Protein backbone atom coordinates (compact mmCIF):
# COMPACT_ATOMS: atom_id res chain seq x y z
CA MET A 1 27.44 -34.39 -8.18
CA ALA A 2 30.77 -35.46 -6.66
CA PRO A 3 31.27 -37.40 -3.50
CA GLY A 4 31.31 -35.33 -0.43
CA MET A 5 29.37 -32.38 -1.68
CA VAL A 6 26.19 -33.27 0.03
CA ASN A 7 25.82 -31.54 3.34
CA ASP A 8 28.80 -29.59 2.42
CA LEU A 9 27.98 -25.98 3.80
CA GLU A 10 31.38 -24.33 2.65
CA TYR A 11 30.90 -25.62 -0.78
CA LEU A 12 27.38 -24.18 -1.18
CA ALA A 13 28.23 -20.77 0.41
CA ALA A 14 31.29 -20.57 -2.05
CA ARG A 15 28.64 -21.15 -4.85
CA LEU A 16 26.27 -18.45 -3.71
CA HIS A 17 29.19 -15.75 -3.37
CA GLY A 18 29.58 -16.73 -7.10
CA ARG A 19 26.05 -16.24 -7.92
CA ARG A 20 25.54 -13.13 -5.91
CA SER A 21 27.59 -11.20 -8.52
CA ARG A 22 25.29 -12.24 -11.22
CA LEU A 23 22.22 -10.90 -9.38
CA ALA A 24 20.10 -7.89 -10.72
CA GLU A 25 21.34 -5.45 -8.25
CA ALA A 26 22.72 -1.72 -8.43
CA GLU A 27 24.28 -1.09 -12.08
CA ARG A 28 22.75 -4.27 -13.52
CA LEU A 29 19.26 -3.45 -12.17
CA ASP A 30 19.66 0.15 -13.49
CA ALA A 31 20.46 -1.15 -16.81
CA LEU A 32 17.47 -3.49 -16.80
CA CYS A 33 15.19 -0.32 -15.99
CA ARG A 34 16.07 1.08 -19.13
CA LEU A 35 14.42 -1.53 -21.20
CA THR A 36 11.03 -0.87 -22.65
CA HIS A 37 9.94 -4.22 -23.54
CA LEU A 38 8.88 -7.38 -21.83
CA ALA A 39 10.89 -9.45 -24.42
CA GLU A 40 14.24 -7.33 -23.92
CA LEU A 41 13.75 -8.13 -20.04
CA GLY A 42 13.00 -11.62 -20.29
CA HIS A 43 15.91 -12.15 -22.65
CA ALA A 44 18.28 -10.20 -20.34
CA VAL A 45 17.34 -12.25 -17.27
CA TYR A 46 16.71 -15.66 -18.94
CA PRO A 47 18.77 -15.76 -22.25
CA ASP A 48 17.34 -19.23 -23.23
CA ALA A 49 13.61 -18.31 -22.72
CA GLU A 50 10.94 -16.25 -24.32
CA PHE A 51 7.82 -14.85 -22.58
CA HIS A 52 4.71 -13.70 -24.06
CA THR A 53 3.27 -12.11 -20.94
CA ALA A 54 4.65 -10.41 -17.71
CA ALA A 55 2.65 -12.96 -15.85
CA ASP A 56 4.83 -16.07 -17.52
CA PHE A 57 7.83 -14.05 -16.58
CA GLN A 58 7.07 -13.55 -13.19
CA ARG A 59 6.01 -17.23 -12.84
CA ARG A 60 9.36 -18.33 -14.18
CA LEU A 61 11.10 -15.99 -11.34
CA ALA A 62 9.20 -17.64 -8.58
CA GLN A 63 9.77 -21.18 -9.58
CA HIS A 64 13.63 -20.35 -10.37
CA LEU A 65 13.69 -19.46 -6.60
CA VAL A 66 11.79 -22.47 -5.37
CA ARG A 67 14.15 -24.74 -7.49
CA GLU A 68 17.22 -22.74 -6.00
CA LEU A 69 15.98 -23.01 -2.35
CA SER A 70 15.30 -26.78 -3.07
CA GLY A 71 18.81 -27.27 -4.40
CA PHE A 72 20.40 -25.80 -1.08
CA LEU A 73 19.09 -28.58 0.97
CA LYS A 74 21.07 -31.31 -0.26
CA HIS A 75 24.02 -29.65 1.17
CA LEU A 76 22.71 -29.00 4.64
CA GLU A 77 21.79 -30.90 7.82
CA GLY A 78 20.78 -30.45 11.42
CA PRO A 79 18.93 -27.27 12.57
CA GLY A 80 20.20 -25.39 9.20
CA ALA A 81 18.50 -27.91 7.05
CA ASP A 82 15.27 -28.00 9.25
CA LEU A 83 15.14 -24.06 8.88
CA LEU A 84 15.90 -23.97 5.25
CA ALA A 85 13.15 -26.83 4.77
CA TRP A 86 10.63 -24.68 6.44
CA MET A 87 11.44 -21.46 4.39
CA LEU A 88 10.56 -23.74 1.20
CA VAL A 89 6.95 -24.06 2.92
CA ARG A 90 6.47 -20.50 2.44
CA PHE A 91 5.68 -21.29 -0.98
CA GLN A 92 3.26 -24.09 -0.14
CA VAL A 93 1.44 -21.54 2.01
CA GLU A 94 0.88 -19.21 -0.76
CA ASN A 95 -0.56 -22.05 -2.78
CA MET A 96 -2.75 -22.65 0.31
CA ARG A 97 -3.90 -19.17 0.10
CA VAL A 98 -4.85 -19.18 -3.67
CA LEU A 99 -6.74 -22.26 -3.17
CA LEU A 100 -8.59 -21.07 0.07
CA ARG A 101 -9.48 -17.72 -1.66
CA SER A 102 -10.82 -19.67 -4.64
CA PHE A 103 -12.73 -22.18 -2.38
CA MET A 104 -14.24 -19.23 -0.40
CA HIS A 105 -15.39 -17.52 -3.41
CA ARG A 106 -16.82 -20.59 -5.17
CA THR A 107 -14.64 -19.66 -8.20
CA PRO A 108 -13.36 -22.62 -10.16
CA LEU A 109 -9.70 -22.92 -10.55
CA GLU A 110 -8.93 -23.83 -14.08
CA GLY A 111 -5.53 -24.92 -15.18
CA PRO A 112 -4.00 -24.78 -11.43
CA GLU A 113 -0.55 -24.65 -12.93
CA LYS A 114 -1.24 -21.11 -13.98
CA TYR A 115 -1.99 -20.01 -10.29
CA LEU A 116 -0.12 -22.45 -8.24
CA LEU A 117 3.76 -22.85 -7.90
CA SER A 118 5.00 -26.37 -8.54
CA LEU A 119 6.82 -27.65 -5.62
CA PRO A 120 8.61 -30.58 -4.43
CA HIS A 121 6.52 -33.89 -4.13
CA ASP A 122 6.33 -33.71 -0.40
CA LEU A 123 4.92 -30.10 -0.54
CA THR A 124 2.46 -30.85 -3.32
CA LEU A 125 -1.36 -30.14 -2.32
CA ASP A 126 -4.21 -32.43 -3.46
CA VAL A 127 -5.87 -29.63 -5.42
CA GLN A 128 -8.86 -31.71 -6.52
CA ALA A 129 -9.52 -33.08 -3.15
CA LEU A 130 -9.55 -29.48 -1.47
CA MET A 131 -11.69 -27.90 -4.23
CA ALA A 132 -14.24 -30.61 -3.58
CA ALA A 133 -14.55 -29.89 -0.01
CA GLU A 134 -17.90 -29.20 1.28
CA SER A 135 -16.98 -26.99 3.84
CA LEU A 136 -13.95 -24.81 5.13
CA GLU A 137 -13.63 -27.41 8.39
CA GLU A 138 -13.35 -30.13 5.62
CA PHE A 139 -11.01 -27.89 3.45
CA THR A 140 -8.58 -27.50 6.45
CA GLU A 141 -8.34 -31.04 7.35
CA LEU A 142 -7.48 -31.90 3.96
CA LEU A 143 -4.30 -29.73 3.99
CA PRO A 144 -1.12 -31.19 5.21
CA SER A 145 -0.54 -31.42 8.93
CA GLY A 146 1.60 -28.79 10.75
CA THR A 147 1.21 -25.43 12.12
CA PRO A 148 -0.53 -23.65 9.07
CA ARG A 149 -3.12 -26.19 9.40
CA LYS A 150 -3.50 -26.03 12.99
CA SER A 151 -3.43 -22.17 12.85
CA LEU A 152 -6.28 -22.18 10.32
CA ARG A 153 -8.36 -24.66 12.46
CA GLU A 154 -7.92 -22.42 15.47
CA ALA A 155 -9.15 -19.46 13.36
CA LEU A 156 -12.31 -21.32 12.07
CA GLY A 157 -13.33 -21.41 15.86
CA THR A 158 -12.18 -18.01 16.71
CA TYR A 159 -13.92 -16.35 13.49
CA HIS A 160 -16.98 -18.79 13.02
CA ASP A 161 -19.31 -15.69 12.69
CA GLN A 162 -17.38 -14.02 10.27
CA PRO A 163 -14.75 -16.40 8.61
CA ARG A 164 -13.49 -13.63 6.07
CA PRO A 165 -10.66 -14.55 3.72
CA PHE A 166 -8.26 -11.91 5.36
CA PHE A 167 -8.63 -13.64 8.77
CA LEU A 168 -7.88 -17.29 7.41
CA GLU A 169 -5.19 -16.29 5.36
CA ALA A 170 -3.55 -14.38 7.91
CA ALA A 171 -3.99 -17.58 10.20
CA LEU A 172 -2.16 -19.61 7.37
CA ASP A 173 0.73 -17.00 7.79
CA ARG A 174 0.64 -16.81 11.46
CA GLY A 175 1.26 -20.71 11.51
CA TYR A 176 4.23 -20.71 9.04
CA PHE A 177 5.95 -17.82 11.12
CA GLN A 178 5.09 -19.59 14.45
CA GLU A 179 7.09 -22.63 13.15
CA LEU A 180 9.71 -20.43 11.50
CA LEU A 181 10.46 -18.80 14.82
CA ALA A 182 10.75 -22.34 16.58
CA ARG A 183 13.27 -23.84 13.96
CA ALA A 184 15.49 -20.42 14.16
CA GLU A 185 15.60 -21.08 18.11
CA GLN A 186 17.29 -24.50 17.44
CA LEU A 187 20.30 -22.47 15.82
CA SER A 188 23.40 -21.61 17.87
CA GLY A 189 26.42 -19.41 18.08
CA GLU A 190 26.86 -17.10 15.13
CA ASP A 191 24.04 -18.61 13.33
CA THR A 192 21.78 -17.31 15.93
CA GLU A 193 23.33 -13.95 16.04
CA LEU A 194 23.12 -13.30 12.06
CA ILE A 195 19.95 -15.24 11.02
CA LYS A 196 17.43 -14.74 14.19
CA PRO A 197 17.42 -11.07 13.49
CA ILE A 198 16.15 -11.87 10.01
CA VAL A 199 13.51 -14.25 11.30
CA LEU A 200 12.21 -11.77 13.81
CA GLN A 201 12.08 -8.95 11.26
CA GLU A 202 9.87 -11.18 8.93
CA VAL A 203 7.50 -12.17 11.91
CA ASP A 204 7.17 -8.32 12.92
CA ALA A 205 6.63 -7.27 9.70
CA PHE A 206 3.62 -9.56 9.29
CA HIS A 207 2.48 -7.91 12.56
CA LEU A 208 3.06 -4.36 11.27
CA MET A 209 1.33 -5.08 7.90
CA LEU A 210 -1.52 -6.93 9.80
CA ILE A 211 -2.42 -4.06 11.62
CA VAL A 212 -1.99 -1.41 8.80
CA ARG A 213 -4.25 -3.58 6.32
CA GLY A 214 -6.54 -4.93 9.29
CA LYS A 215 -7.31 -2.02 11.23
CA PHE A 216 -6.64 1.16 9.05
CA GLN A 217 -7.63 -0.32 5.39
CA TYR A 218 -10.52 -2.75 6.47
CA GLY A 219 -11.73 -1.17 9.77
CA LEU A 220 -11.36 -4.27 11.74
CA THR A 221 -11.34 -3.96 15.56
CA PRO A 222 -8.03 -4.80 17.86
CA GLU A 223 -10.01 -7.59 19.38
CA LEU A 224 -10.32 -9.27 16.10
CA LEU A 225 -6.52 -8.80 14.98
CA LEU A 226 -5.16 -9.87 18.45
CA PRO A 227 -5.46 -13.61 18.12
CA LEU A 228 -3.18 -13.33 14.99
CA ARG A 229 -0.30 -12.32 16.76
CA VAL A 230 2.77 -14.81 16.62
CA HIS A 231 4.07 -15.75 20.10
CA GLY A 232 7.57 -15.17 20.81
CA SER A 233 8.39 -12.46 18.22
CA GLY A 234 10.51 -9.29 18.67
CA ILE A 235 7.39 -7.27 19.50
CA PRO A 236 6.27 -8.17 22.99
CA SER A 237 2.36 -8.72 23.59
CA ALA A 238 1.91 -5.34 25.53
CA GLN A 239 3.69 -3.39 22.36
CA PHE A 240 1.56 -5.16 19.85
CA SER A 241 -1.74 -4.06 21.92
CA SER A 242 -0.24 -0.48 21.59
CA MET A 243 0.14 -0.97 18.14
CA LEU A 244 -3.47 -2.04 17.64
CA GLY A 245 -4.59 0.75 19.78
CA ALA A 246 -2.67 3.31 17.82
CA PRO A 247 -4.70 6.19 16.38
CA ASP A 248 -3.09 6.28 13.02
CA ILE A 249 -0.68 4.26 10.72
CA LEU A 250 2.30 6.46 11.51
CA THR A 251 1.87 5.92 15.19
CA ALA A 252 1.48 2.13 14.60
CA ALA A 253 4.64 2.18 12.64
CA SER A 254 6.70 4.12 15.15
CA LEU A 255 6.12 1.27 17.61
CA ALA A 256 7.65 -1.00 15.17
CA VAL A 257 11.06 0.66 14.58
CA GLY A 258 13.78 -1.39 15.35
CA ARG A 259 11.77 -4.40 14.64
CA ALA A 260 9.98 -4.68 11.50
CA ILE A 261 11.32 -1.15 10.06
CA ASP A 262 14.53 0.60 10.67
CA ALA A 263 13.38 3.97 10.66
CA LEU A 264 10.44 6.18 9.37
CA PRO A 265 10.62 8.57 6.39
CA SER A 266 11.51 12.17 7.31
CA GLU A 267 8.50 13.34 5.13
CA LEU A 268 6.11 11.71 7.41
CA GLY A 269 6.92 13.85 10.47
CA SER A 270 4.04 16.23 9.89
CA SER A 271 0.47 15.51 11.24
CA GLU A 272 -1.02 15.93 7.74
CA ALA A 273 1.44 13.49 6.09
CA SER A 274 0.88 10.72 8.76
CA ALA A 275 -2.97 11.10 8.03
CA THR A 276 -2.16 9.65 4.59
CA VAL A 277 0.47 7.39 4.88
CA ASP A 278 0.66 4.99 1.82
CA PRO A 279 0.72 1.29 3.11
CA SER A 280 3.18 0.61 0.13
CA ALA A 281 5.71 2.95 1.65
CA LEU A 282 5.83 0.86 4.75
CA GLU A 283 6.02 -2.12 2.68
CA ALA A 284 9.11 -0.78 1.01
CA LEU A 285 10.70 0.03 4.41
CA VAL A 286 10.14 -3.53 5.59
CA TRP A 287 11.74 -4.82 2.68
CA LYS A 288 14.90 -2.30 3.19
CA ARG A 289 15.40 -3.68 6.75
CA ASN A 290 15.01 -7.15 5.52
CA LEU A 291 17.68 -6.54 2.75
CA ARG A 292 19.92 -4.94 5.28
CA LEU A 293 20.04 -7.91 7.54
CA SER A 294 20.35 -10.31 4.74
CA LYS A 295 23.46 -8.43 3.48
CA ARG A 296 24.82 -8.50 6.98
CA ALA A 297 24.18 -11.95 7.37
CA PHE A 298 25.73 -12.65 3.84
CA ARG A 299 28.69 -10.71 4.39
CA ARG A 300 29.66 -11.52 8.21
CA SER A 301 28.98 -15.36 7.76
CA HIS A 302 30.85 -15.54 4.64
CA MET A 303 31.18 -19.45 4.45
CA GLY A 304 28.31 -20.20 7.09
CA LEU A 305 24.67 -20.80 7.07
CA GLY A 306 24.14 -17.21 7.66
CA ALA A 307 25.48 -16.65 4.02
CA VAL A 308 22.86 -18.97 2.66
CA VAL A 309 19.92 -17.34 4.54
CA GLY A 310 21.36 -13.99 3.82
CA TYR A 311 21.53 -15.01 0.02
CA LEU A 312 18.01 -16.11 -0.04
CA GLY A 313 16.80 -12.83 1.47
CA ILE A 314 18.77 -10.86 -1.16
CA ARG A 315 17.20 -13.02 -3.88
CA ARG A 316 13.79 -12.53 -2.72
CA VAL A 317 14.37 -8.90 -2.84
CA GLU A 318 15.81 -9.39 -6.51
CA VAL A 319 12.40 -11.18 -7.48
CA ALA A 320 10.49 -8.51 -6.02
CA ASN A 321 12.21 -5.95 -8.22
CA LEU A 322 11.98 -7.65 -11.21
CA ILE A 323 8.19 -8.41 -10.84
CA THR A 324 7.97 -4.71 -10.07
CA LEU A 325 9.87 -3.96 -13.08
CA SER A 326 7.93 -6.45 -15.47
CA GLU A 327 4.62 -4.89 -14.26
CA GLY A 328 5.95 -1.26 -15.08
CA ILE A 329 6.85 -2.23 -18.36
CA ARG A 330 3.47 -4.05 -18.96
CA VAL A 331 1.43 -0.94 -18.10
CA GLY A 332 3.74 1.37 -19.78
CA VAL A 333 5.24 3.37 -16.75
CA ALA A 334 7.97 5.67 -17.23
CA THR A 335 11.52 4.44 -16.46
CA GLU A 336 12.31 6.77 -13.71
CA ALA A 337 8.93 5.98 -12.15
CA ILE A 338 9.60 2.17 -12.11
CA ARG A 339 13.04 2.89 -10.48
CA ALA A 340 11.58 4.83 -7.84
CA ARG A 341 9.62 1.98 -6.81
CA LEU A 342 12.41 -0.65 -6.51
CA ILE A 343 13.85 -1.74 -3.13
CA PRO A 344 15.53 -0.09 -1.53
CA ARG A 345 13.37 3.10 -2.15
CA ALA A 346 15.44 5.92 -3.03
CA ASP A 347 12.65 8.47 -2.15
CA LEU A 348 12.20 6.96 1.38
CA GLU A 349 14.87 9.08 3.27
CA SER A 350 14.61 7.62 6.81
CA VAL A 351 14.90 9.31 10.31
CA TYR A 352 15.22 7.38 13.46
CA VAL A 353 12.71 7.95 16.06
């Protein structure tokens, strides 16, 4: 790398504008949807690689995103570098979740490379020590210091009578998002205007799906879910409590409009539809708002930090869509059915409430 490129935000932003033109979006994504074999999809996305399973392809997508984000850091400094470095921790938390689940179910994790993402050395977990822990408390203390470990430690106290994976994995996420918010607070000027809405949306999407899954899918009480709230989010404490007390998914989701989602689908307006809301439809709306905010930051910031964070959001949607596409091909889903599941979902015409 030539001298002067380190900490050169404009150089990085210019590169990302070039990369954006090659992403699997719009017409290119439509073309990929017409492929019927995994080998064709793999070659179209990674011409120099060969994939034997959908899992191999999906792992390559995730690892590529990790490497790309890691490469951003050498061009950044100050609060921007701190924020992007923490966004990389998202993948470490995913590895923590995999190991925690395996530990709690007492299932051996053979060949960790098949289940865990490879991360930079400073984010690598001691898999052998973690899996040899004799208790959840010991497992927790063997994790790297930081808000995810602190949050998990607190959850072990809160849920000591019923330490279910759902609570503990959500606690890891809560710790991640709490620090993400703290680092976003250090931004200033245009960066705050364009990036903080993306961060707040991610946090409140976590809140919405926590309630959808915890209360309406698993039947957990509001009292059990309340401690998992991330403080300082766009949804105030009283509003979060109202969401927890909502009688159905649609009512809870309506309270998150303008925070986690932009609007609700028009077809959910009837009482009959509200009783059978598909959580995956809400997840699609969550992704749709995140994509809109990311595109806004990428477009308006142009050569600033917002372009970097916006690009990352767009890339995450690209990866999610390619994973959906590869899964559809794997199980033999029709092309149109696959296309209907991609982000943004064309079938979810929204209305503002």
